[in-house]
């Protein structure tokens, strides 16, 4: 039972991290589109989100690895 709760929690964490990744991507896309419309777009707009995106993806990979280990028979 405890293992099931742990897996449920990890799956929820994975879903939240994926949602955060999607939010980051959408924010950068919105920023770039807004700047293009205003004519203020410069190469590298949104680049500050890059390290955060990499960190979130790493967290997703770690959680998925743990889930895989726990579900291995």
C-alpha atoms as a PDB file:
ATOM      1  CA  UNK A   1       0.000   0.000   0.000  1.00  0.00           C
ATOM      2  CA  UNK A   2       2.794   2.438   0.887  1.00  0.00           C
ATOM      3  CA  UNK A   3       4.515   1.677  -2.413  1.00  0.00           C
ATOM      4  CA  UNK A   4       1.310   2.517  -4.292  1.00  0.00           C
ATOM      5  CA  UNK A   5       1.037   5.842  -2.467  1.00  0.00           C
ATOM      6  CA  UNK A   6       4.683   6.590  -3.236  1.00  0.00           C
ATOM      7  CA  UNK A   7       4.152   5.814  -6.924  1.00  0.00           C
ATOM      8  CA  UNK A   8       1.020   7.962  -6.991  1.00  0.00           C
ATOM      9  CA  UNK A   9       2.973  10.822  -5.453  1.00  0.00           C
ATOM     10  CA  UNK A  10       5.807  10.429  -7.929  1.00  0.00           C
ATOM     11  CA  UNK A  11       3.380  10.343 -10.842  1.00  0.00           C
ATOM     12  CA  UNK A  12       1.762  13.539  -9.558  1.00  0.00           C
ATOM     13  CA  UNK A  13       5.184  15.147  -9.216  1.00  0.00           C
ATOM     14  CA  UNK A  14       6.056  14.095 -12.765  1.00  0.00           C
ATOM     15  CA  UNK A  15       2.797  15.584 -14.068  1.00  0.00           C
ATOM     16  CA  UNK A  16       3.450  18.854 -12.207  1.00  0.00           C
ATOM     17  CA  UNK A  17       6.983  19.083 -13.625  1.00  0.00           C
ATOM     18  CA  UNK A  18       5.722  18.447 -17.147  1.00  0.00           C
ATOM     19  CA  UNK A  19       3.121  21.159 -16.633  1.00  0.00           C
ATOM     20  CA  UNK A  20       5.830  23.539 -15.419  1.00  0.00           C
ATOM     21  CA  UNK A  21       7.909  22.759 -18.518  1.00  0.00           C
ATOM     22  CA  UNK A  22       4.909  23.499 -20.743  1.00  0.00           C
ATOM     23  CA  UNK A  23       4.277  26.760 -18.874  1.00  0.00           C
ATOM     24  CA  UNK A  24       7.883  27.848 -19.383  1.00  0.00           C
ATOM     25  CA  UNK A  25       7.725  27.099 -23.094  1.00  0.00           C
ATOM     26  CA  UNK A  26       4.409  28.924 -23.452  1.00  0.00           C
ATOM     27  CA  UNK A  27       5.769  31.956 -21.565  1.00  0.00           C
ATOM     28  CA  UNK A  28       8.800  32.215 -23.815  1.00  0.00           C
ATOM     29  CA  UNK A  29       6.628  31.807 -26.892  1.00  0.00           C
ATOM     30  CA  UNK A  30       4.267  34.543 -25.673  1.00  0.00           C
ATOM     31  CA  UNK A  31       7.175  36.871 -24.853  1.00  0.00           C
ATOM     32  CA  UNK A  32       8.711  36.393 -28.278  1.00  0.00           C
ATOM     33  CA  UNK A  33       5.402  36.840 -30.103  1.00  0.00           C
ATOM     34  CA  UNK A  34       4.617  40.005 -28.141  1.00  0.00           C
ATOM     35  CA  UNK A  35       8.034  41.445 -28.856  1.00  0.00           C
ATOM     36  CA  UNK A  36       7.724  40.572 -32.543  1.00  0.00           C
ATOM     37  CA  UNK A  37       4.368  42.362 -32.725  1.00  0.00           C
ATOM     38  CA  UNK A  38       5.835  45.421 -31.020  1.00  0.00           C
ATOM     39  CA  UNK A  39       8.927  45.276 -33.194  1.00  0.00           C
ATOM     40  CA  UNK A  40      11.197  44.956 -30.164  1.00  0.00           C
ATOM     41  CA  UNK A  41      12.229  41.327 -30.643  1.00  0.00           C
ATOM     42  CA  UNK A  42      15.937  40.642 -30.431  1.00  0.00           C
ATOM     43  CA  UNK A  43      17.760  37.362 -30.798  1.00  0.00           C
ATOM     44  CA  UNK A  44      17.988  35.688 -27.431  1.00  0.00           C
ATOM     45  CA  UNK A  45      14.652  36.908 -26.067  1.00  0.00           C
ATOM     46  CA  UNK A  46      13.540  34.306 -23.575  1.00  0.00           C
ATOM     47  CA  UNK A  47      17.009  32.795 -23.296  1.00  0.00           C
ATOM     48  CA  UNK A  48      16.942  33.338 -19.534  1.00  0.00           C
ATOM     49  CA  UNK A  49      14.347  30.544 -19.339  1.00  0.00           C
ATOM     50  CA  UNK A  50      16.835  28.097 -20.873  1.00  0.00           C
ATOM     51  CA  UNK A  51      18.617  27.077 -17.648  1.00  0.00           C
ATOM     52  CA  UNK A  52      15.287  26.664 -15.833  1.00  0.00           C
ATOM     53  CA  UNK A  53      13.950  24.540 -18.689  1.00  0.00           C
ATOM     54  CA  UNK A  54      17.043  22.319 -18.532  1.00  0.00           C
ATOM     55  CA  UNK A  55      16.677  21.984 -14.743  1.00  0.00           C
ATOM     56  CA  UNK A  56      13.007  21.022 -15.005  1.00  0.00           C
ATOM     57  CA  UNK A  57      13.778  18.460 -17.704  1.00  0.00           C
ATOM     58  CA  UNK A  58      16.501  16.982 -15.488  1.00  0.00           C
ATOM     59  CA  UNK A  59      14.018  16.750 -12.613  1.00  0.00           C
ATOM     60  CA  UNK A  60      11.539  14.972 -14.895  1.00  0.00           C
ATOM     61  CA  UNK A  61      14.232  12.503 -15.944  1.00  0.00           C
ATOM     62  CA  UNK A  62      15.135  11.781 -12.307  1.00  0.00           C
ATOM     63  CA  UNK A  63      11.511  11.214 -11.286  1.00  0.00           C
ATOM     64  CA  UNK A  64      10.914   8.974 -14.297  1.00  0.00           C
ATOM     65  CA  UNK A  65      14.026   6.974 -13.371  1.00  0.00           C
ATOM     66  CA  UNK A  66      12.774   6.498  -9.822  1.00  0.00           C
ATOM     67  CA  UNK A  67       9.347   5.439 -11.091  1.00  0.00           C
ATOM     68  CA  UNK A  68      10.968   2.947 -13.458  1.00  0.00           C
ATOM     69  CA  UNK A  69      13.058   1.517 -10.624  1.00  0.00           C
ATOM     70  CA  UNK A  70      10.057   1.154  -8.318  1.00  0.00           C
ATOM     71  CA  UNK A  71       7.871  -0.481 -10.961  1.00  0.00           C
ATOM     72  CA  UNK A  72      10.557  -2.925 -12.097  1.00  0.00           C
ATOM     73  CA  UNK A  73       9.578  -6.497 -11.263  1.00  0.00           C
END
